[in-house]
């Protein structure tokens, strides 16, 4: 037989569970809203301006808190426990620099970008990131995924650089390189069969080795 205290405790647990789920959906909706705003730029007749995309990225990056960044760092450390030990620290550093620190760069980026963004490649990238979000939400917190995706869009379409910076090390003493104006990555083709991988929006080409 339930006591009044037990009833209150059970009701409180239901409230907490409901609040938690609501919080997840709110963050989820925030991410999807960003996709919708970016897609709206694609649907317009005029060209996609880089400064318009940056404005949207700034808006959503401002919603990422210190706690979200801590969650991101924790996930990177957790996932890298499977990486070979002599490369683990480099791998963790690579993810922090390629994604987490980019959020700060976006907030502080006051450059006047004027280049147009190709609609076809941008549209394909948004669809890939939508899929990345939908499949990743079961394993990652929404804001962690948001960090990955905001940073990927910023690096690819605003900076026009590879998602992993030139010099990023990979196992086998291989690195992301730049030769004759082209960016070359040693693991580009490794993700070609993973349709939701952010690597698929990266402008780097496969490095021959």
C-alpha atoms as a PDB file:
ATOM      1  CA  UNK A   1       0.000   0.000   0.000  1.00  0.00           C
ATOM      2  CA  UNK A   2       1.401   3.369  -0.982  1.00  0.00           C
ATOM      3  CA  UNK A   3       1.844   6.001   1.675  1.00  0.00           C
ATOM      4  CA  UNK A   4       1.117   9.686   0.963  1.00  0.00           C
ATOM      5  CA  UNK A   5       4.879  10.295   1.008  1.00  0.00           C
ATOM      6  CA  UNK A   6       5.370   7.548  -1.568  1.00  0.00           C
ATOM      7  CA  UNK A   7       2.687   9.081  -3.764  1.00  0.00           C
ATOM      8  CA  UNK A   8       4.374  12.471  -3.554  1.00  0.00           C
ATOM      9  CA  UNK A   9       7.780  10.967  -4.330  1.00  0.00           C
ATOM     10  CA  UNK A  10       6.379   9.031  -7.302  1.00  0.00           C
ATOM     11  CA  UNK A  11       4.671  12.158  -8.636  1.00  0.00           C
ATOM     12  CA  UNK A  12       7.882  14.116  -8.212  1.00  0.00           C
ATOM     13  CA  UNK A  13       9.824  11.466 -10.153  1.00  0.00           C
ATOM     14  CA  UNK A  14       7.250  11.708 -12.951  1.00  0.00           C
ATOM     15  CA  UNK A  15       7.654  15.483 -13.014  1.00  0.00           C
ATOM     16  CA  UNK A  16      11.436  15.203 -13.188  1.00  0.00           C
ATOM     17  CA  UNK A  17      11.203  12.613 -15.971  1.00  0.00           C
ATOM     18  CA  UNK A  18       8.752  14.828 -17.864  1.00  0.00           C
ATOM     19  CA  UNK A  19      10.968  17.904 -17.407  1.00  0.00           C
ATOM     20  CA  UNK A  20      13.994  15.963 -18.595  1.00  0.00           C
ATOM     21  CA  UNK A  21      12.224  14.738 -21.712  1.00  0.00           C
ATOM     22  CA  UNK A  22      10.862  18.201 -22.386  1.00  0.00           C
ATOM     23  CA  UNK A  23      14.363  19.620 -22.053  1.00  0.00           C
ATOM     24  CA  UNK A  24      15.693  17.114 -24.568  1.00  0.00           C
ATOM     25  CA  UNK A  25      12.928  17.907 -27.027  1.00  0.00           C
ATOM     26  CA  UNK A  26      13.475  21.651 -26.626  1.00  0.00           C
ATOM     27  CA  UNK A  27      17.187  21.258 -27.372  1.00  0.00           C
ATOM     28  CA  UNK A  28      16.343  18.896 -30.211  1.00  0.00           C
ATOM     29  CA  UNK A  29      13.920  21.422 -31.667  1.00  0.00           C
ATOM     30  CA  UNK A  30      16.567  24.111 -31.382  1.00  0.00           C
ATOM     31  CA  UNK A  31      18.876  22.050 -33.555  1.00  0.00           C
ATOM     32  CA  UNK A  32      16.183  21.342 -36.110  1.00  0.00           C
ATOM     33  CA  UNK A  33      15.255  25.020 -36.152  1.00  0.00           C
ATOM     34  CA  UNK A  34      18.818  25.815 -37.162  1.00  0.00           C
ATOM     35  CA  UNK A  35      18.554  23.391 -40.086  1.00  0.00           C
ATOM     36  CA  UNK A  36      15.283  24.991 -41.100  1.00  0.00           C
ATOM     37  CA  UNK A  37      16.807  28.470 -41.052  1.00  0.00           C
ATOM     38  CA  UNK A  38      19.737  27.307 -43.140  1.00  0.00           C
ATOM     39  CA  UNK A  39      17.401  25.503 -45.541  1.00  0.00           C
ATOM     40  CA  UNK A  40      15.401  28.698 -45.913  1.00  0.00           C
ATOM     41  CA  UNK A  41      18.502  30.377 -47.325  1.00  0.00           C
ATOM     42  CA  UNK A  42      18.674  27.619 -49.931  1.00  0.00           C
ATOM     43  CA  UNK A  43      15.023  28.045 -50.947  1.00  0.00           C
ATOM     44  CA  UNK A  44      15.473  31.713 -51.761  1.00  0.00           C
ATOM     45  CA  UNK A  45      16.180  32.765 -55.332  1.00  0.00           C
ATOM     46  CA  UNK A  46      19.194  34.880 -54.449  1.00  0.00           C
ATOM     47  CA  UNK A  47      22.657  33.498 -53.792  1.00  0.00           C
ATOM     48  CA  UNK A  48      23.597  32.136 -50.382  1.00  0.00           C
ATOM     49  CA  UNK A  49      25.846  34.712 -48.770  1.00  0.00           C
ATOM     50  CA  UNK A  50      28.493  33.517 -46.338  1.00  0.00           C
ATOM     51  CA  UNK A  51      27.722  36.316 -43.886  1.00  0.00           C
ATOM     52  CA  UNK A  52      24.072  35.166 -43.739  1.00  0.00           C
ATOM     53  CA  UNK A  53      25.143  31.644 -42.796  1.00  0.00           C
ATOM     54  CA  UNK A  54      27.598  32.975 -40.209  1.00  0.00           C
ATOM     55  CA  UNK A  55      24.842  35.044 -38.619  1.00  0.00           C
ATOM     56  CA  UNK A  56      22.743  31.917 -38.086  1.00  0.00           C
ATOM     57  CA  UNK A  57      25.713  29.965 -36.718  1.00  0.00           C
ATOM     58  CA  UNK A  58      26.458  32.770 -34.261  1.00  0.00           C
ATOM     59  CA  UNK A  59      22.855  32.696 -33.078  1.00  0.00           C
ATOM     60  CA  UNK A  60      22.892  28.995 -32.249  1.00  0.00           C
ATOM     61  CA  UNK A  61      26.454  28.837 -30.948  1.00  0.00           C
ATOM     62  CA  UNK A  62      25.451  31.448 -28.358  1.00  0.00           C
ATOM     63  CA  UNK A  63      23.098  28.833 -26.857  1.00  0.00           C
ATOM     64  CA  UNK A  64      25.983  26.482 -26.066  1.00  0.00           C
ATOM     65  CA  UNK A  65      26.961  26.708 -22.401  1.00  0.00           C
ATOM     66  CA  UNK A  66      30.091  25.798 -20.481  1.00  0.00           C
ATOM     67  CA  UNK A  67      28.255  22.687 -19.304  1.00  0.00           C
ATOM     68  CA  UNK A  68      27.569  21.675 -22.911  1.00  0.00           C
ATOM     69  CA  UNK A  69      31.266  22.073 -23.635  1.00  0.00           C
ATOM     70  CA  UNK A  70      32.075  19.884 -20.641  1.00  0.00           C
ATOM     71  CA  UNK A  71      29.678  17.249 -21.984  1.00  0.00           C
ATOM     72  CA  UNK A  72      31.427  17.428 -25.350  1.00  0.00           C
ATOM     73  CA  UNK A  73      34.867  16.981 -23.759  1.00  0.00           C
ATOM     74  CA  UNK A  74      33.616  14.043 -21.697  1.00  0.00           C
ATOM     75  CA  UNK A  75      32.210  12.322 -24.771  1.00  0.00           C
ATOM     76  CA  UNK A  76      35.447  12.828 -26.714  1.00  0.00           C
ATOM     77  CA  UNK A  77      37.453  11.257 -23.865  1.00  0.00           C
ATOM     78  CA  UNK A  78      34.955   8.394 -23.607  1.00  0.00           C
ATOM     79  CA  UNK A  79      35.019   7.621 -27.331  1.00  0.00           C
ATOM     80  CA  UNK A  80      38.790   7.860 -27.561  1.00  0.00           C
ATOM     81  CA  UNK A  81      39.313   5.129 -24.982  1.00  0.00           C
ATOM     82  CA  UNK A  82      39.168   2.696 -27.920  1.00  0.00           C
ATOM     83  CA  UNK A  83      41.916   4.529 -29.824  1.00  0.00           C
ATOM     84  CA  UNK A  84      45.433   3.106 -29.646  1.00  0.00           C
ATOM     85  CA  UNK A  85      47.184   4.542 -26.599  1.00  0.00           C
ATOM     86  CA  UNK A  86      50.090   6.244 -28.384  1.00  0.00           C
ATOM     87  CA  UNK A  87      47.626   8.225 -30.519  1.00  0.00           C
ATOM     88  CA  UNK A  88      44.872   8.828 -27.939  1.00  0.00           C
ATOM     89  CA  UNK A  89      46.030  12.242 -26.681  1.00  0.00           C
ATOM     90  CA  UNK A  90      46.521  13.533 -30.229  1.00  0.00           C
ATOM     91  CA  UNK A  91      43.049  12.298 -31.158  1.00  0.00           C
ATOM     92  CA  UNK A  92      41.425  14.027 -28.181  1.00  0.00           C
ATOM     93  CA  UNK A  93      43.296  17.252 -28.945  1.00  0.00           C
ATOM     94  CA  UNK A  94      42.219  17.044 -32.581  1.00  0.00           C
ATOM     95  CA  UNK A  95      38.514  16.848 -31.695  1.00  0.00           C
ATOM     96  CA  UNK A  96      38.774  19.676 -29.179  1.00  0.00           C
ATOM     97  CA  UNK A  97      40.537  21.947 -31.681  1.00  0.00           C
ATOM     98  CA  UNK A  98      38.413  20.948 -34.682  1.00  0.00           C
ATOM     99  CA  UNK A  99      35.030  21.291 -33.015  1.00  0.00           C
ATOM    100  CA  UNK A 100      34.902  22.679 -29.487  1.00  0.00           C
ATOM    101  CA  UNK A 101      37.300  25.601 -29.928  1.00  0.00           C
ATOM    102  CA  UNK A 102      35.545  26.521 -33.170  1.00  0.00           C
ATOM    103  CA  UNK A 103      32.504  27.555 -31.156  1.00  0.00           C
ATOM    104  CA  UNK A 104      34.547  30.300 -29.526  1.00  0.00           C
ATOM    105  CA  UNK A 105      36.006  31.244 -32.910  1.00  0.00           C
ATOM    106  CA  UNK A 106      32.504  31.677 -34.318  1.00  0.00           C
ATOM    107  CA  UNK A 107      31.437  33.967 -31.505  1.00  0.00           C
ATOM    108  CA  UNK A 108      34.527  36.141 -31.976  1.00  0.00           C
ATOM    109  CA  UNK A 109      34.534  36.117 -35.777  1.00  0.00           C
ATOM    110  CA  UNK A 110      33.843  39.669 -36.939  1.00  0.00           C
ATOM    111  CA  UNK A 111      35.358  39.275 -40.387  1.00  0.00           C
ATOM    112  CA  UNK A 112      33.381  40.515 -43.382  1.00  0.00           C
ATOM    113  CA  UNK A 113      32.858  37.400 -45.498  1.00  0.00           C
ATOM    114  CA  UNK A 114      31.463  38.171 -48.937  1.00  0.00           C
ATOM    115  CA  UNK A 115      31.832  34.937 -50.899  1.00  0.00           C
ATOM    116  CA  UNK A 116      28.772  33.075 -52.168  1.00  0.00           C
ATOM    117  CA  UNK A 117      28.132  29.500 -51.075  1.00  0.00           C
ATOM    118  CA  UNK A 118      27.277  26.844 -53.645  1.00  0.00           C
ATOM    119  CA  UNK A 119      23.624  25.907 -53.170  1.00  0.00           C
ATOM    120  CA  UNK A 120      23.952  22.281 -54.253  1.00  0.00           C
ATOM    121  CA  UNK A 121      26.837  21.394 -51.930  1.00  0.00           C
ATOM    122  CA  UNK A 122      25.273  23.376 -49.075  1.00  0.00           C
ATOM    123  CA  UNK A 123      21.913  21.651 -49.519  1.00  0.00           C
ATOM    124  CA  UNK A 124      23.565  18.228 -49.544  1.00  0.00           C
ATOM    125  CA  UNK A 125      25.532  19.128 -46.416  1.00  0.00           C
ATOM    126  CA  UNK A 126      22.406  20.153 -44.502  1.00  0.00           C
ATOM    127  CA  UNK A 127      20.703  16.859 -45.365  1.00  0.00           C
ATOM    128  CA  UNK A 128      23.771  14.910 -44.215  1.00  0.00           C
ATOM    129  CA  UNK A 129      23.817  16.827 -40.939  1.00  0.00           C
ATOM    130  CA  UNK A 130      20.085  16.280 -40.407  1.00  0.00           C
ATOM    131  CA  UNK A 131      20.720  12.549 -40.751  1.00  0.00           C
ATOM    132  CA  UNK A 132      23.767  12.802 -38.478  1.00  0.00           C
ATOM    133  CA  UNK A 133      21.613  14.459 -35.829  1.00  0.00           C
ATOM    134  CA  UNK A 134      18.716  12.004 -36.099  1.00  0.00           C
ATOM    135  CA  UNK A 135      20.970   8.956 -35.822  1.00  0.00           C
ATOM    136  CA  UNK A 136      23.265  10.422 -33.184  1.00  0.00           C
ATOM    137  CA  UNK A 137      20.608  11.673 -30.760  1.00  0.00           C
ATOM    138  CA  UNK A 138      20.324   8.202 -29.231  1.00  0.00           C
ATOM    139  CA  UNK A 139      23.963   8.254 -28.156  1.00  0.00           C
ATOM    140  CA  UNK A 140      24.828  11.914 -27.648  1.00  0.00           C
ATOM    141  CA  UNK A 141      23.270  14.908 -25.955  1.00  0.00           C
ATOM    142  CA  UNK A 142      21.683  17.320 -28.447  1.00  0.00           C
ATOM    143  CA  UNK A 143      24.059  20.179 -27.648  1.00  0.00           C
ATOM    144  CA  UNK A 144      27.068  17.890 -28.167  1.00  0.00           C
ATOM    145  CA  UNK A 145      25.801  17.112 -31.655  1.00  0.00           C
ATOM    146  CA  UNK A 146      25.098  20.795 -32.218  1.00  0.00           C
ATOM    147  CA  UNK A 147      28.759  21.578 -31.493  1.00  0.00           C
ATOM    148  CA  UNK A 148      29.859  19.038 -34.105  1.00  0.00           C
ATOM    149  CA  UNK A 149      27.529  20.390 -36.743  1.00  0.00           C
ATOM    150  CA  UNK A 150      27.916  24.126 -36.214  1.00  0.00           C
ATOM    151  CA  UNK A 151      31.693  23.723 -36.322  1.00  0.00           C
ATOM    152  CA  UNK A 152      31.532  21.579 -39.465  1.00  0.00           C
ATOM    153  CA  UNK A 153      29.406  24.124 -41.331  1.00  0.00           C
ATOM    154  CA  UNK A 154      31.572  27.034 -40.196  1.00  0.00           C
ATOM    155  CA  UNK A 155      34.846  25.414 -41.195  1.00  0.00           C
ATOM    156  CA  UNK A 156      33.601  24.071 -44.532  1.00  0.00           C
ATOM    157  CA  UNK A 157      31.505  26.924 -45.845  1.00  0.00           C
ATOM    158  CA  UNK A 158      32.734  30.044 -44.042  1.00  0.00           C
ATOM    159  CA  UNK A 159      36.459  29.394 -43.667  1.00  0.00           C
ATOM    160  CA  UNK A 160      36.551  27.062 -46.687  1.00  0.00           C
ATOM    161  CA  UNK A 161      38.973  24.785 -44.881  1.00  0.00           C
ATOM    162  CA  UNK A 162      38.954  21.062 -43.997  1.00  0.00           C
ATOM    163  CA  UNK A 163      37.072  20.113 -40.845  1.00  0.00           C
ATOM    164  CA  UNK A 164      40.273  18.738 -39.337  1.00  0.00           C
ATOM    165  CA  UNK A 165      42.945  21.456 -39.705  1.00  0.00           C
ATOM    166  CA  UNK A 166      46.060  20.981 -41.783  1.00  0.00           C
ATOM    167  CA  UNK A 167      48.600  19.142 -39.658  1.00  0.00           C
ATOM    168  CA  UNK A 168      46.035  17.043 -37.770  1.00  0.00           C
ATOM    169  CA  UNK A 169      47.756  13.702 -37.080  1.00  0.00           C
ATOM    170  CA  UNK A 170      46.266  10.281 -37.759  1.00  0.00           C
ATOM    171  CA  UNK A 171      47.579   6.770 -37.001  1.00  0.00           C
ATOM    172  CA  UNK A 172      50.414   5.672 -39.258  1.00  0.00           C
ATOM    173  CA  UNK A 173      52.286   8.987 -39.018  1.00  0.00           C
ATOM    174  CA  UNK A 174      49.826  10.514 -41.497  1.00  0.00           C
ATOM    175  CA  UNK A 175      48.473  14.060 -41.377  1.00  0.00           C
ATOM    176  CA  UNK A 176      45.992  16.336 -43.106  1.00  0.00           C
ATOM    177  CA  UNK A 177      47.999  18.145 -45.766  1.00  0.00           C
ATOM    178  CA  UNK A 178      47.686  21.030 -48.186  1.00  0.00           C
ATOM    179  CA  UNK A 179      49.303  20.686 -51.610  1.00  0.00           C
ATOM    180  CA  UNK A 180      48.912  23.075 -54.522  1.00  0.00           C
ATOM    181  CA  UNK A 181      45.839  24.641 -52.961  1.00  0.00           C
ATOM    182  CA  UNK A 182      44.105  21.308 -52.311  1.00  0.00           C
ATOM    183  CA  UNK A 183      43.450  19.830 -48.876  1.00  0.00           C
ATOM    184  CA  UNK A 184      44.253  16.137 -48.486  1.00  0.00           C
ATOM    185  CA  UNK A 185      43.046  13.867 -45.682  1.00  0.00           C
ATOM    186  CA  UNK A 186      44.299  10.310 -45.013  1.00  0.00           C
ATOM    187  CA  UNK A 187      40.903   9.055 -43.748  1.00  0.00           C
ATOM    188  CA  UNK A 188      38.497  10.776 -46.153  1.00  0.00           C
ATOM    189  CA  UNK A 189      37.515   7.578 -47.969  1.00  0.00           C
ATOM    190  CA  UNK A 190      37.215   5.641 -44.708  1.00  0.00           C
ATOM    191  CA  UNK A 191      33.875   7.350 -44.069  1.00  0.00           C
ATOM    192  CA  UNK A 192      32.493   7.294 -47.602  1.00  0.00           C
ATOM    193  CA  UNK A 193      30.094   4.430 -46.755  1.00  0.00           C
ATOM    194  CA  UNK A 194      28.795   6.202 -43.640  1.00  0.00           C
ATOM    195  CA  UNK A 195      26.137   8.538 -45.066  1.00  0.00           C
ATOM    196  CA  UNK A 196      25.694  10.534 -41.850  1.00  0.00           C
ATOM    197  CA  UNK A 197      29.407  11.184 -41.174  1.00  0.00           C
ATOM    198  CA  UNK A 198      30.364  14.872 -41.037  1.00  0.00           C
ATOM    199  CA  UNK A 199      33.461  13.897 -43.037  1.00  0.00           C
ATOM    200  CA  UNK A 200      31.141  13.664 -46.042  1.00  0.00           C
ATOM    201  CA  UNK A 201      30.662  17.439 -46.077  1.00  0.00           C
ATOM    202  CA  UNK A 202      34.374  18.149 -45.687  1.00  0.00           C
ATOM    203  CA  UNK A 203      36.061  19.698 -48.716  1.00  0.00           C
ATOM    204  CA  UNK A 204      39.259  17.695 -48.204  1.00  0.00           C
ATOM    205  CA  UNK A 205      40.157  15.021 -50.748  1.00  0.00           C
ATOM    206  CA  UNK A 206      41.635  11.602 -50.052  1.00  0.00           C
ATOM    207  CA  UNK A 207      45.388  11.625 -49.478  1.00  0.00           C
ATOM    208  CA  UNK A 208      47.241   9.002 -51.494  1.00  0.00           C
ATOM    209  CA  UNK A 209      49.707   7.010 -49.400  1.00  0.00           C
END
